[in-house]
C-alpha atoms as a PDB file:
ATOM      1  CA  UNK A   1     138.432  73.935  88.966  1.00  0.00           C
ATOM      2  CA  UNK A   2     138.395  76.545  91.722  1.00  0.00           C
ATOM      3  CA  UNK A   3     138.023  75.125  95.229  1.00  0.00           C
ATOM      4  CA  UNK A   4     135.200  76.543  97.409  1.00  0.00           C
ATOM      5  CA  UNK A   5     136.322  78.916 100.155  1.00  0.00           C
ATOM      6  CA  UNK A   6     137.023  77.308 103.503  1.00  0.00           C
ATOM      7  CA  UNK A   7     134.323  77.924 106.107  1.00  0.00           C
ATOM      8  CA  UNK A   8     135.348  79.384 109.455  1.00  0.00           C
ATOM      9  CA  UNK A   9     134.433  76.082 111.114  1.00  0.00           C
ATOM     10  CA  UNK A  10     136.802  74.235 108.780  1.00  0.00           C
ATOM     11  CA  UNK A  11     139.503  76.801 109.478  1.00  0.00           C
ATOM     12  CA  UNK A  12     139.093  76.341 113.230  1.00  0.00           C
ATOM     13  CA  UNK A  13     139.212  72.546 112.913  1.00  0.00           C
ATOM     14  CA  UNK A  14     142.440  72.690 110.906  1.00  0.00           C
ATOM     15  CA  UNK A  15     143.991  75.098 113.439  1.00  0.00           C
ATOM     16  CA  UNK A  16     143.004  72.944 116.427  1.00  0.00           C
ATOM     17  CA  UNK A  17     144.295  69.742 114.819  1.00  0.00           C
ATOM     18  CA  UNK A  18     147.600  71.409 113.984  1.00  0.00           C
ATOM     19  CA  UNK A  19     148.253  73.432 117.145  1.00  0.00           C
ATOM     20  CA  UNK A  20     145.841  72.244 119.839  1.00  0.00           C
ATOM     21  CA  UNK A  21     142.763  73.822 121.488  1.00  0.00           C
ATOM     22  CA  UNK A  22     142.076  77.534 120.964  1.00  0.00           C
ATOM     23  CA  UNK A  23     140.789  80.001 123.532  1.00  0.00           C
ATOM     24  CA  UNK A  24     137.103  80.863 123.689  1.00  0.00           C
ATOM     25  CA  UNK A  25     138.190  84.482 123.162  1.00  0.00           C
ATOM     26  CA  UNK A  26     139.760  83.480 119.833  1.00  0.00           C
ATOM     27  CA  UNK A  27     136.720  81.429 118.783  1.00  0.00           C
ATOM     28  CA  UNK A  28     134.177  84.130 119.671  1.00  0.00           C
ATOM     29  CA  UNK A  29     136.232  87.038 118.354  1.00  0.00           C
ATOM     30  CA  UNK A  30     136.866  85.535 114.922  1.00  0.00           C
ATOM     31  CA  UNK A  31     133.319  84.189 114.664  1.00  0.00           C
ATOM     32  CA  UNK A  32     131.714  87.563 115.315  1.00  0.00           C
ATOM     33  CA  UNK A  33     134.200  89.381 113.078  1.00  0.00           C
ATOM     34  CA  UNK A  34     133.176  87.081 110.225  1.00  0.00           C
ATOM     35  CA  UNK A  35     129.485  87.303 111.135  1.00  0.00           C
ATOM     36  CA  UNK A  36     129.279  91.116 111.157  1.00  0.00           C
ATOM     37  CA  UNK A  37     131.639  91.781 108.259  1.00  0.00           C
ATOM     38  CA  UNK A  38     129.242  91.275 105.392  1.00  0.00           C
ATOM     39  CA  UNK A  39     125.609  91.343 106.478  1.00  0.00           C
ATOM     40  CA  UNK A  40     122.895  93.372 108.147  1.00  0.00           C
ATOM     41  CA  UNK A  41     121.774  90.985 110.918  1.00  0.00           C
ATOM     42  CA  UNK A  42     119.119  93.235 112.483  1.00  0.00           C
ATOM     43  CA  UNK A  43     115.367  93.136 111.894  1.00  0.00           C
ATOM     44  CA  UNK A  44     112.766  90.579 110.898  1.00  0.00           C
ATOM     45  CA  UNK A  45     114.824  89.510 107.897  1.00  0.00           C
ATOM     46  CA  UNK A  46     117.965  89.168 110.022  1.00  0.00           C
ATOM     47  CA  UNK A  47     118.798  87.195 113.145  1.00  0.00           C
ATOM     48  CA  UNK A  48     117.681  89.476 115.988  1.00  0.00           C
ATOM     49  CA  UNK A  49     115.866  92.727 116.805  1.00  0.00           C
ATOM     50  CA  UNK A  50     117.298  95.457 119.032  1.00  0.00           C
ATOM     51  CA  UNK A  51     115.409  97.969 121.170  1.00  0.00           C
ATOM     52  CA  UNK A  52     115.636 100.894 118.687  1.00  0.00           C
ATOM     53  CA  UNK A  53     113.932  98.727 116.063  1.00  0.00           C
ATOM     54  CA  UNK A  54     111.105  97.858 118.460  1.00  0.00           C
ATOM     55  CA  UNK A  55     109.983 101.453 118.971  1.00  0.00           C
ATOM     56  CA  UNK A  56     111.049 105.033 118.264  1.00  0.00           C
ATOM     57  CA  UNK A  57     110.383 105.764 121.943  1.00  0.00           C
ATOM     58  CA  UNK A  58     113.650 104.092 122.929  1.00  0.00           C
ATOM     59  CA  UNK A  59     115.888 106.384 120.875  1.00  0.00           C
ATOM     60  CA  UNK A  60     113.788 109.460 121.598  1.00  0.00           C
ATOM     61  CA  UNK A  61     114.144 109.084 125.365  1.00  0.00           C
ATOM     62  CA  UNK A  62     117.891 108.579 125.014  1.00  0.00           C
ATOM     63  CA  UNK A  63     118.050 111.801 122.987  1.00  0.00           C
ATOM     64  CA  UNK A  64     116.124 113.669 125.693  1.00  0.00           C
ATOM     65  CA  UNK A  65     118.470 112.298 128.371  1.00  0.00           C
ATOM     66  CA  UNK A  66     121.508 113.485 126.427  1.00  0.00           C
ATOM     67  CA  UNK A  67     119.977 116.916 125.815  1.00  0.00           C
ATOM     68  CA  UNK A  68     119.140 117.290 129.511  1.00  0.00           C
ATOM     69  CA  UNK A  69     122.707 116.391 130.515  1.00  0.00           C
ATOM     70  CA  UNK A  70     124.208 118.779 127.959  1.00  0.00           C
ATOM     71  CA  UNK A  71     121.949 121.685 128.941  1.00  0.00           C
ATOM     72  CA  UNK A  72     122.630 121.283 132.664  1.00  0.00           C
ATOM     73  CA  UNK A  73     126.373 121.004 131.971  1.00  0.00           C
ATOM     74  CA  UNK A  74     126.367 124.413 130.259  1.00  0.00           C
ATOM     75  CA  UNK A  75     125.706 123.695 126.560  1.00  0.00           C
ATOM     76  CA  UNK A  76     129.384 123.457 125.682  1.00  0.00           C
ATOM     77  CA  UNK A  77     130.313 123.482 121.974  1.00  0.00           C
ATOM     78  CA  UNK A  78     131.527 121.703 119.983  1.00  0.00           C
ATOM     79  CA  UNK A  79     129.835 118.583 121.282  1.00  0.00           C
ATOM     80  CA  UNK A  80     130.052 115.111 119.767  1.00  0.00           C
ATOM     81  CA  UNK A  81     127.471 112.333 119.547  1.00  0.00           C
ATOM     82  CA  UNK A  82     129.405 109.075 119.449  1.00  0.00           C
ATOM     83  CA  UNK A  83     127.804 105.658 119.073  1.00  0.00           C
ATOM     84  CA  UNK A  84     129.562 102.318 119.297  1.00  0.00           C
ATOM     85  CA  UNK A  85     128.067  99.656 117.043  1.00  0.00           C
ATOM     86  CA  UNK A  86     125.146 101.798 115.817  1.00  0.00           C
ATOM     87  CA  UNK A  87     123.316  98.962 114.071  1.00  0.00           C
ATOM     88  CA  UNK A  88     121.038 100.300 111.364  1.00  0.00           C
ATOM     89  CA  UNK A  89     121.378 103.896 112.604  1.00  0.00           C
ATOM     90  CA  UNK A  90     117.838 103.878 113.985  1.00  0.00           C
ATOM     91  CA  UNK A  91     118.779 104.818 117.541  1.00  0.00           C
ATOM     92  CA  UNK A  92     120.962 107.721 116.392  1.00  0.00           C
ATOM     93  CA  UNK A  93     118.286 109.006 114.037  1.00  0.00           C
ATOM     94  CA  UNK A  94     115.581 108.959 116.736  1.00  0.00           C
ATOM     95  CA  UNK A  95     117.845 110.333 119.482  1.00  0.00           C
ATOM     96  CA  UNK A  96     119.184 113.194 117.376  1.00  0.00           C
ATOM     97  CA  UNK A  97     115.683 114.156 116.239  1.00  0.00           C
ATOM     98  CA  UNK A  98     114.495 114.380 119.848  1.00  0.00           C
ATOM     99  CA  UNK A  99     117.625 116.220 121.043  1.00  0.00           C
ATOM    100  CA  UNK A 100     117.351 118.802 118.268  1.00  0.00           C
ATOM    101  CA  UNK A 101     114.104 120.112 119.776  1.00  0.00           C
ATOM    102  CA  UNK A 102     116.128 121.275 122.787  1.00  0.00           C
ATOM    103  CA  UNK A 103     118.975 122.866 120.839  1.00  0.00           C
ATOM    104  CA  UNK A 104     121.379 119.932 120.934  1.00  0.00           C
ATOM    105  CA  UNK A 105     122.776 119.370 117.430  1.00  0.00           C
ATOM    106  CA  UNK A 106     126.029 117.478 117.976  1.00  0.00           C
ATOM    107  CA  UNK A 107     128.504 116.396 115.354  1.00  0.00           C
ATOM    108  CA  UNK A 108     127.900 112.707 114.724  1.00  0.00           C
ATOM    109  CA  UNK A 109     130.653 110.105 114.865  1.00  0.00           C
ATOM    110  CA  UNK A 110     129.905 106.390 114.507  1.00  0.00           C
ATOM    111  CA  UNK A 111     132.265 103.560 115.420  1.00  0.00           C
ATOM    112  CA  UNK A 112     131.471 100.706 113.045  1.00  0.00           C
ATOM    113  CA  UNK A 113     133.536  97.963 111.378  1.00  0.00           C
ATOM    114  CA  UNK A 114     130.855  96.364 109.176  1.00  0.00           C
ATOM    115  CA  UNK A 115     130.677  97.776 105.645  1.00  0.00           C
ATOM    116  CA  UNK A 116     127.196  96.314 105.207  1.00  0.00           C
ATOM    117  CA  UNK A 117     125.940  98.223 108.254  1.00  0.00           C
ATOM    118  CA  UNK A 118     127.820 101.401 107.278  1.00  0.00           C
ATOM    119  CA  UNK A 119     125.853 101.429 104.025  1.00  0.00           C
ATOM    120  CA  UNK A 120     122.569 101.250 105.972  1.00  0.00           C
ATOM    121  CA  UNK A 121     123.717 103.882 108.491  1.00  0.00           C
ATOM    122  CA  UNK A 122     124.659 106.293 105.709  1.00  0.00           C
ATOM    123  CA  UNK A 123     121.039 106.432 104.601  1.00  0.00           C
ATOM    124  CA  UNK A 124     119.786 107.041 108.160  1.00  0.00           C
ATOM    125  CA  UNK A 125     122.407 109.649 109.157  1.00  0.00           C
ATOM    126  CA  UNK A 126     123.929 111.188 106.007  1.00  0.00           C
ATOM    127  CA  UNK A 127     126.218 113.626 107.819  1.00  0.00           C
ATOM    128  CA  UNK A 128     127.924 111.123 110.074  1.00  0.00           C
ATOM    129  CA  UNK A 129     131.654 110.421 110.162  1.00  0.00           C
ATOM    130  CA  UNK A 130     132.758 106.804 110.611  1.00  0.00           C
ATOM    131  CA  UNK A 131     135.623 105.352 112.637  1.00  0.00           C
ATOM    132  CA  UNK A 132     137.054 101.901 113.245  1.00  0.00           C
ATOM    133  CA  UNK A 133     137.566 102.690 116.933  1.00  0.00           C
ATOM    134  CA  UNK A 134     137.489 105.579 119.399  1.00  0.00           C
ATOM    135  CA  UNK A 135     141.088 106.644 118.799  1.00  0.00           C
ATOM    136  CA  UNK A 136     140.228 108.887 115.832  1.00  0.00           C
ATOM    137  CA  UNK A 137     137.120 110.525 117.339  1.00  0.00           C
ATOM    138  CA  UNK A 138     137.766 114.253 118.041  1.00  0.00           C
ATOM    139  CA  UNK A 139     138.755 115.251 121.570  1.00  0.00           C
ATOM    140  CA  UNK A 140     138.211 119.034 121.500  1.00  0.00           C
ATOM    141  CA  UNK A 141     134.745 118.987 123.100  1.00  0.00           C
ATOM    142  CA  UNK A 142     132.521 116.872 125.326  1.00  0.00           C
ATOM    143  CA  UNK A 143     131.458 113.439 124.109  1.00  0.00           C
ATOM    144  CA  UNK A 144     127.924 112.071 124.389  1.00  0.00           C
ATOM    145  CA  UNK A 145     128.457 108.350 123.902  1.00  0.00           C
ATOM    146  CA  UNK A 146     125.912 105.569 123.414  1.00  0.00           C
ATOM    147  CA  UNK A 147     126.658 101.840 123.311  1.00  0.00           C
ATOM    148  CA  UNK A 148     123.472  99.817 122.885  1.00  0.00           C
ATOM    149  CA  UNK A 149     123.929  96.046 122.622  1.00  0.00           C
ATOM    150  CA  UNK A 150     127.587  96.549 121.804  1.00  0.00           C
ATOM    151  CA  UNK A 151     129.467  95.097 124.765  1.00  0.00           C
ATOM    152  CA  UNK A 152     127.586  91.769 124.738  1.00  0.00           C
ATOM    153  CA  UNK A 153     129.168  90.818 121.387  1.00  0.00           C
ATOM    154  CA  UNK A 154     132.758  91.350 122.565  1.00  0.00           C
ATOM    155  CA  UNK A 155     134.721  88.099 123.034  1.00  0.00           C
ATOM    156  CA  UNK A 156     134.768  86.677 126.547  1.00  0.00           C
ATOM    157  CA  UNK A 157     137.289  84.565 128.369  1.00  0.00           C
ATOM    158  CA  UNK A 158     136.076  81.726 130.568  1.00  0.00           C
ATOM    159  CA  UNK A 159     137.778  80.025 133.505  1.00  0.00           C
ATOM    160  CA  UNK A 160     136.545  76.657 134.779  1.00  0.00           C
ATOM    161  CA  UNK A 161     137.149  75.116 138.224  1.00  0.00           C
ATOM    162  CA  UNK A 162     138.679  71.663 137.895  1.00  0.00           C
ATOM    163  CA  UNK A 163     139.754  69.068 140.468  1.00  0.00           C
ATOM    164  CA  UNK A 164     143.176  70.700 140.762  1.00  0.00           C
ATOM    165  CA  UNK A 165     142.221  74.382 140.513  1.00  0.00           C
ATOM    166  CA  UNK A 166     141.095  76.874 137.891  1.00  0.00           C
ATOM    167  CA  UNK A 167     141.934  76.496 134.202  1.00  0.00           C
ATOM    168  CA  UNK A 168     141.104  78.511 131.102  1.00  0.00           C
ATOM    169  CA  UNK A 169     138.166  77.006 129.204  1.00  0.00           C
ATOM    170  CA  UNK A 170     139.317  76.249 125.674  1.00  0.00           C
ATOM    171  CA  UNK A 171     137.686  74.998 122.467  1.00  0.00           C
ATOM    172  CA  UNK A 172     138.897  71.619 121.258  1.00  0.00           C
ATOM    173  CA  UNK A 173     137.626  68.789 119.074  1.00  0.00           C
ATOM    174  CA  UNK A 174     135.910  65.474 119.661  1.00  0.00           C
ATOM    175  CA  UNK A 175     136.094  63.998 116.188  1.00  0.00           C
ATOM    176  CA  UNK A 176     134.690  66.837 114.065  1.00  0.00           C
ATOM    177  CA  UNK A 177     132.626  68.345 116.896  1.00  0.00           C
ATOM    178  CA  UNK A 178     133.758  71.421 118.817  1.00  0.00           C
ATOM    179  CA  UNK A 179     133.834  70.788 122.573  1.00  0.00           C
ATOM    180  CA  UNK A 180     134.987  72.619 125.673  1.00  0.00           C
ATOM    181  CA  UNK A 181     138.283  71.430 127.174  1.00  0.00           C
ATOM    182  CA  UNK A 182     140.331  72.710 130.088  1.00  0.00           C
ATOM    183  CA  UNK A 183     143.676  74.365 129.435  1.00  0.00           C
ATOM    184  CA  UNK A 184     146.855  73.149 131.087  1.00  0.00           C
ATOM    185  CA  UNK A 185     147.935  76.299 132.943  1.00  0.00           C
ATOM    186  CA  UNK A 186     146.797  76.966 136.505  1.00  0.00           C
ATOM    187  CA  UNK A 187     144.750  80.184 136.532  1.00  0.00           C
ATOM    188  CA  UNK A 188     144.052  80.504 140.282  1.00  0.00           C
ATOM    189  CA  UNK A 189     145.846  83.896 140.516  1.00  0.00           C
ATOM    190  CA  UNK A 190     143.400  85.354 137.940  1.00  0.00           C
ATOM    191  CA  UNK A 191     140.334  84.379 139.997  1.00  0.00           C
ATOM    192  CA  UNK A 192     138.872  86.811 142.574  1.00  0.00           C
ATOM    193  CA  UNK A 193     139.480  85.573 146.111  1.00  0.00           C
ATOM    194  CA  UNK A 194     135.781  85.090 146.841  1.00  0.00           C
ATOM    195  CA  UNK A 195     135.508  82.561 143.987  1.00  0.00           C
ATOM    196  CA  UNK A 196     138.740  80.599 144.544  1.00  0.00           C
ATOM    197  CA  UNK A 197     136.984  77.757 146.373  1.00  0.00           C
ATOM    198  CA  UNK A 198     133.923  77.526 144.114  1.00  0.00           C
ATOM    199  CA  UNK A 199     132.682  73.987 143.469  1.00  0.00           C
ATOM    200  CA  UNK A 200     134.216  71.885 140.710  1.00  0.00           C
ATOM    201  CA  UNK A 201     132.687  72.726 137.341  1.00  0.00           C
ATOM    202  CA  UNK A 202     132.024  76.383 138.203  1.00  0.00           C
ATOM    203  CA  UNK A 203     132.676  78.837 135.355  1.00  0.00           C
ATOM    204  CA  UNK A 204     133.748  82.477 135.567  1.00  0.00           C
ATOM    205  CA  UNK A 205     133.525  84.854 132.595  1.00  0.00           C
ATOM    206  CA  UNK A 206     135.618  87.930 132.019  1.00  0.00           C
ATOM    207  CA  UNK A 207     135.758  90.247 129.021  1.00  0.00           C
ATOM    208  CA  UNK A 208     139.176  91.863 128.495  1.00  0.00           C
ATOM    209  CA  UNK A 209     137.941  93.724 125.397  1.00  0.00           C
ATOM    210  CA  UNK A 210     135.061  95.316 127.311  1.00  0.00           C
ATOM    211  CA  UNK A 211     137.426  96.347 130.096  1.00  0.00           C
ATOM    212  CA  UNK A 212     139.830  97.977 127.624  1.00  0.00           C
ATOM    213  CA  UNK A 213     137.099  99.859 125.757  1.00  0.00           C
ATOM    214  CA  UNK A 214     135.434 101.058 128.961  1.00  0.00           C
ATOM    215  CA  UNK A 215     138.816 102.239 130.243  1.00  0.00           C
ATOM    216  CA  UNK A 216     139.215 104.312 127.066  1.00  0.00           C
ATOM    217  CA  UNK A 217     135.674 105.724 127.308  1.00  0.00           C
ATOM    218  CA  UNK A 218     136.250 106.710 130.926  1.00  0.00           C
ATOM    219  CA  UNK A 219     139.539 108.368 130.051  1.00  0.00           C
ATOM    220  CA  UNK A 220     137.813 110.385 127.340  1.00  0.00           C
ATOM    221  CA  UNK A 221     135.089 111.522 129.751  1.00  0.00           C
ATOM    222  CA  UNK A 222     137.717 112.487 132.318  1.00  0.00           C
ATOM    223  CA  UNK A 223     139.731 114.522 129.795  1.00  0.00           C
ATOM    224  CA  UNK A 224     137.062 116.131 127.617  1.00  0.00           C
ATOM    225  CA  UNK A 225     133.845 115.892 129.627  1.00  0.00           C
ATOM    226  CA  UNK A 226     130.548 114.469 128.539  1.00  0.00           C
ATOM    227  CA  UNK A 227     128.322 111.532 129.401  1.00  0.00           C
ATOM    228  CA  UNK A 228     127.799 107.944 128.319  1.00  0.00           C
ATOM    229  CA  UNK A 229     125.004 105.392 128.359  1.00  0.00           C
ATOM    230  CA  UNK A 230     125.845 101.696 128.138  1.00  0.00           C
ATOM    231  CA  UNK A 231     122.736  99.605 127.496  1.00  0.00           C
ATOM    232  CA  UNK A 232     122.901  95.837 127.310  1.00  0.00           C
ATOM    233  CA  UNK A 233     121.691  92.646 128.814  1.00  0.00           C
ATOM    234  CA  UNK A 234     123.825  91.673 131.753  1.00  0.00           C
ATOM    235  CA  UNK A 235     124.379  91.275 135.481  1.00  0.00           C
ATOM    236  CA  UNK A 236     124.741  93.944 138.150  1.00  0.00           C
ATOM    237  CA  UNK A 237     127.168  91.708 140.081  1.00  0.00           C
ATOM    238  CA  UNK A 238     129.801  89.163 139.031  1.00  0.00           C
ATOM    239  CA  UNK A 239     128.362  85.640 139.167  1.00  0.00           C
ATOM    240  CA  UNK A 240     129.540  82.156 138.274  1.00  0.00           C
ATOM    241  CA  UNK A 241     128.084  80.378 135.250  1.00  0.00           C
ATOM    242  CA  UNK A 242     128.505  80.483 131.492  1.00  0.00           C
ATOM    243  CA  UNK A 243     126.315  82.992 129.625  1.00  0.00           C
ATOM    244  CA  UNK A 244     127.916  82.295 126.236  1.00  0.00           C
ATOM    245  CA  UNK A 245     125.141  81.836 123.659  1.00  0.00           C
ATOM    246  CA  UNK A 246     124.237  82.163 119.988  1.00  0.00           C
ATOM    247  CA  UNK A 247     121.249  83.434 118.004  1.00  0.00           C
ATOM    248  CA  UNK A 248     120.384  82.710 114.388  1.00  0.00           C
ATOM    249  CA  UNK A 249     117.093  83.413 112.602  1.00  0.00           C
ATOM    250  CA  UNK A 250     115.632  84.735 115.879  1.00  0.00           C
ATOM    251  CA  UNK A 251     116.233  81.387 117.592  1.00  0.00           C
ATOM    252  CA  UNK A 252     118.829  80.287 120.098  1.00  0.00           C
ATOM    253  CA  UNK A 253     121.279  77.793 118.604  1.00  0.00           C
ATOM    254  CA  UNK A 254     124.324  76.023 120.024  1.00  0.00           C
ATOM    255  CA  UNK A 255     127.275  78.457 119.923  1.00  0.00           C
ATOM    256  CA  UNK A 256     129.435  75.803 118.261  1.00  0.00           C
ATOM    257  CA  UNK A 257     126.857  75.010 115.554  1.00  0.00           C
ATOM    258  CA  UNK A 258     127.731  77.646 112.943  1.00  0.00           C
ATOM    259  CA  UNK A 259     130.823  79.780 113.689  1.00  0.00           C
ATOM    260  CA  UNK A 260     130.676  82.943 111.616  1.00  0.00           C
ATOM    261  CA  UNK A 261     127.009  82.470 110.751  1.00  0.00           C
ATOM    262  CA  UNK A 262     125.387  83.176 114.135  1.00  0.00           C
ATOM    263  CA  UNK A 263     125.536  86.090 116.570  1.00  0.00           C
ATOM    264  CA  UNK A 264     127.619  85.060 119.599  1.00  0.00           C
ATOM    265  CA  UNK A 265     127.042  86.985 122.825  1.00  0.00           C
ATOM    266  CA  UNK A 266     127.522  86.849 126.594  1.00  0.00           C
ATOM    267  CA  UNK A 267     125.974  88.814 129.452  1.00  0.00           C
ATOM    268  CA  UNK A 268     127.781  92.046 130.341  1.00  0.00           C
ATOM    269  CA  UNK A 269     129.402  92.316 133.783  1.00  0.00           C
ATOM    270  CA  UNK A 270     128.290  95.818 134.740  1.00  0.00           C
ATOM    271  CA  UNK A 271     129.849  95.674 138.215  1.00  0.00           C
ATOM    272  CA  UNK A 272     133.341  95.269 136.790  1.00  0.00           C
ATOM    273  CA  UNK A 273     132.746  98.018 134.228  1.00  0.00           C
ATOM    274  CA  UNK A 274     131.633 100.379 137.001  1.00  0.00           C
ATOM    275  CA  UNK A 275     134.823  99.717 138.973  1.00  0.00           C
ATOM    276  CA  UNK A 276     136.941 100.400 135.885  1.00  0.00           C
ATOM    277  CA  UNK A 277     135.111 103.691 135.276  1.00  0.00           C
ATOM    278  CA  UNK A 278     135.601 104.807 138.858  1.00  0.00           C
ATOM    279  CA  UNK A 279     139.321 103.981 138.647  1.00  0.00           C
ATOM    280  CA  UNK A 280     139.624 106.871 136.190  1.00  0.00           C
ATOM    281  CA  UNK A 281     137.938 109.346 138.531  1.00  0.00           C
ATOM    282  CA  UNK A 282     134.768 109.855 136.542  1.00  0.00           C
ATOM    283  CA  UNK A 283     131.195 109.644 137.769  1.00  0.00           C
ATOM    284  CA  UNK A 284     129.372 106.339 137.752  1.00  0.00           C
ATOM    285  CA  UNK A 285     125.899 107.879 137.891  1.00  0.00           C
ATOM    286  CA  UNK A 286     124.330 104.489 138.413  1.00  0.00           C
ATOM    287  CA  UNK A 287     123.174 101.246 136.846  1.00  0.00           C
ATOM    288  CA  UNK A 288     119.419 100.675 136.539  1.00  0.00           C
ATOM    289  CA  UNK A 289     117.244  98.105 134.853  1.00  0.00           C
ATOM    290  CA  UNK A 290     116.073  99.202 131.415  1.00  0.00           C
ATOM    291  CA  UNK A 291     112.446  99.044 132.518  1.00  0.00           C
ATOM    292  CA  UNK A 292     112.954 101.303 135.526  1.00  0.00           C
ATOM    293  CA  UNK A 293     115.118 103.720 133.544  1.00  0.00           C
ATOM    294  CA  UNK A 294     112.647 104.116 130.674  1.00  0.00           C
ATOM    295  CA  UNK A 295     109.725 104.540 133.074  1.00  0.00           C
ATOM    296  CA  UNK A 296     111.634 107.252 134.945  1.00  0.00           C
ATOM    297  CA  UNK A 297     112.177 109.057 131.642  1.00  0.00           C
ATOM    298  CA  UNK A 298     108.451 108.983 130.867  1.00  0.00           C
ATOM    299  CA  UNK A 299     107.930 106.150 128.409  1.00  0.00           C
ATOM    300  CA  UNK A 300     104.390 105.568 129.711  1.00  0.00           C
ATOM    301  CA  UNK A 301     103.391 109.159 128.900  1.00  0.00           C
ATOM    302  CA  UNK A 302     105.197 109.057 125.564  1.00  0.00           C
ATOM    303  CA  UNK A 303     103.327 105.876 124.609  1.00  0.00           C
ATOM    304  CA  UNK A 304     100.000 107.455 125.541  1.00  0.00           C
ATOM    305  CA  UNK A 305     100.773 110.543 123.444  1.00  0.00           C
ATOM    306  CA  UNK A 306     101.749 108.463 120.418  1.00  0.00           C
ATOM    307  CA  UNK A 307      98.602 106.363 120.749  1.00  0.00           C
ATOM    308  CA  UNK A 308      96.438 109.504 120.954  1.00  0.00           C
ATOM    309  CA  UNK A 309      97.941 110.784 117.702  1.00  0.00           C
ATOM    310  CA  UNK A 310      97.588 107.425 115.935  1.00  0.00           C
ATOM    311  CA  UNK A 311      94.816 105.459 117.662  1.00  0.00           C
ATOM    312  CA  UNK A 312      94.868 102.824 114.908  1.00  0.00           C
ATOM    313  CA  UNK A 313      98.338 101.833 116.187  1.00  0.00           C
ATOM    314  CA  UNK A 314      97.548 102.053 119.910  1.00  0.00           C
ATOM    315  CA  UNK A 315      97.772  98.295 120.427  1.00  0.00           C
ATOM    316  CA  UNK A 316     101.117  98.065 118.625  1.00  0.00           C
ATOM    317  CA  UNK A 317     102.512 101.010 120.602  1.00  0.00           C
ATOM    318  CA  UNK A 318     101.463  99.435 123.894  1.00  0.00           C
ATOM    319  CA  UNK A 319     102.971  96.091 122.902  1.00  0.00           C
ATOM    320  CA  UNK A 320     106.272  97.742 121.929  1.00  0.00           C
ATOM    321  CA  UNK A 321     106.392  99.672 125.202  1.00  0.00           C
ATOM    322  CA  UNK A 322     105.750  96.484 127.186  1.00  0.00           C
ATOM    323  CA  UNK A 323     108.475  94.662 125.278  1.00  0.00           C
ATOM    324  CA  UNK A 324     110.958  97.350 126.301  1.00  0.00           C
ATOM    325  CA  UNK A 325     109.985  97.663 129.990  1.00  0.00           C
ATOM    326  CA  UNK A 326     108.209  94.509 131.179  1.00  0.00           C
ATOM    327  CA  UNK A 327     110.151  92.376 133.661  1.00  0.00           C
ATOM    328  CA  UNK A 328     109.481  89.209 131.661  1.00  0.00           C
ATOM    329  CA  UNK A 329     110.745  90.755 128.425  1.00  0.00           C
ATOM    330  CA  UNK A 330     113.636  93.283 128.171  1.00  0.00           C
ATOM    331  CA  UNK A 331     112.856  95.393 131.221  1.00  0.00           C
ATOM    332  CA  UNK A 332     114.727  93.482 133.910  1.00  0.00           C
ATOM    333  CA  UNK A 333     117.446  91.570 132.062  1.00  0.00           C
ATOM    334  CA  UNK A 334     118.698  94.688 130.245  1.00  0.00           C
ATOM    335  CA  UNK A 335     120.609  97.262 132.266  1.00  0.00           C
ATOM    336  CA  UNK A 336     121.456 100.927 131.660  1.00  0.00           C
ATOM    337  CA  UNK A 337     124.732 102.279 133.028  1.00  0.00           C
ATOM    338  CA  UNK A 338     125.238 106.033 133.200  1.00  0.00           C
ATOM    339  CA  UNK A 339     128.689 107.648 133.259  1.00  0.00           C
ATOM    340  CA  UNK A 340     129.700 111.298 133.258  1.00  0.00           C
ATOM    341  CA  UNK A 341     132.741 113.508 133.313  1.00  0.00           C
ATOM    342  CA  UNK A 342     133.928 114.687 136.744  1.00  0.00           C
ATOM    343  CA  UNK A 343     132.238 118.094 136.496  1.00  0.00           C
ATOM    344  CA  UNK A 344     129.086 116.930 134.724  1.00  0.00           C
ATOM    345  CA  UNK A 345     125.726 116.542 136.516  1.00  0.00           C
ATOM    346  CA  UNK A 346     123.948 113.354 137.529  1.00  0.00           C
ATOM    347  CA  UNK A 347     121.396 111.960 135.127  1.00  0.00           C
ATOM    348  CA  UNK A 348     117.681 111.287 135.338  1.00  0.00           C
ATOM    349  CA  UNK A 349     116.613 107.674 135.718  1.00  0.00           C
ATOM    350  CA  UNK A 350     119.223 106.387 138.138  1.00  0.00           C
ATOM    351  CA  UNK A 351     118.453 105.619 141.785  1.00  0.00           C
ATOM    352  CA  UNK A 352     120.571 108.368 143.321  1.00  0.00           C
ATOM    353  CA  UNK A 353     119.409 111.098 140.901  1.00  0.00           C
END
């Protein structure tokens, strides 16, 4: 009789018992790879809802921002729309529709590893070309890149302050239960000077994968021109504290409860990403809260216009707008980072522009 396939939790337990605790980066990376590989997790029937699914206004305003940047940069062709982790393709569909009204019709390239989501995206954007990473995206024209709720799912590394210094925070076992344990190697040299003497129990998060991907994005913008928007929930400055969490069926669950069956995320460190971008001599246009950025782009007026055309949906439109911009919903926690090639203009919606 055929044995049932081993769950990821069982696989982790066997690995830990045989070789010792594993890094949080390993746990989160493998869990999310399994989670995204075979399902569409977005929407009411999934585990969470993203901004593009809340309202078409979100994608439309992004499309207008991209068109404005491209026009003021000189309408260079060819131009490429590139999206990292495009979900169900809703953002791309709405953004490209809005941009088309102003003459921007870029070639569409989507970076996606999930076959289940690729199948959904194909229906939304039939002419798109798919990639496993940025390395195969064309480089012969400017790149207009969007990453919405992409960086938060990249695996983080955590350091914890113990009685004898900083250690990497690992995942071990207490019986059959996953628990945090401290690694054996002193990690003080990896900790920024201002945090070296933090109180015992303090936790610092870093995301090597985010740093590497942002470094590649910035290099592309430096070499081929273009602009990028990174939209995610996160912090404007590096802070202590664990932000590692899990969502399943639209509810927060313990991140050790169901590895491979829940969406694992952590807040994005936008301050570190900005420093990496600037190290490659590109423009960090700014980082704004999502609420402020969408208001600056005219979401209030857009909502009024939509409600005037479909008054029967006015209440739903207002509720969706509030969900995107209100401080107690997505407006303050979510940030928008704008980047641009060295010769490209500043973008609307950021404090200095």
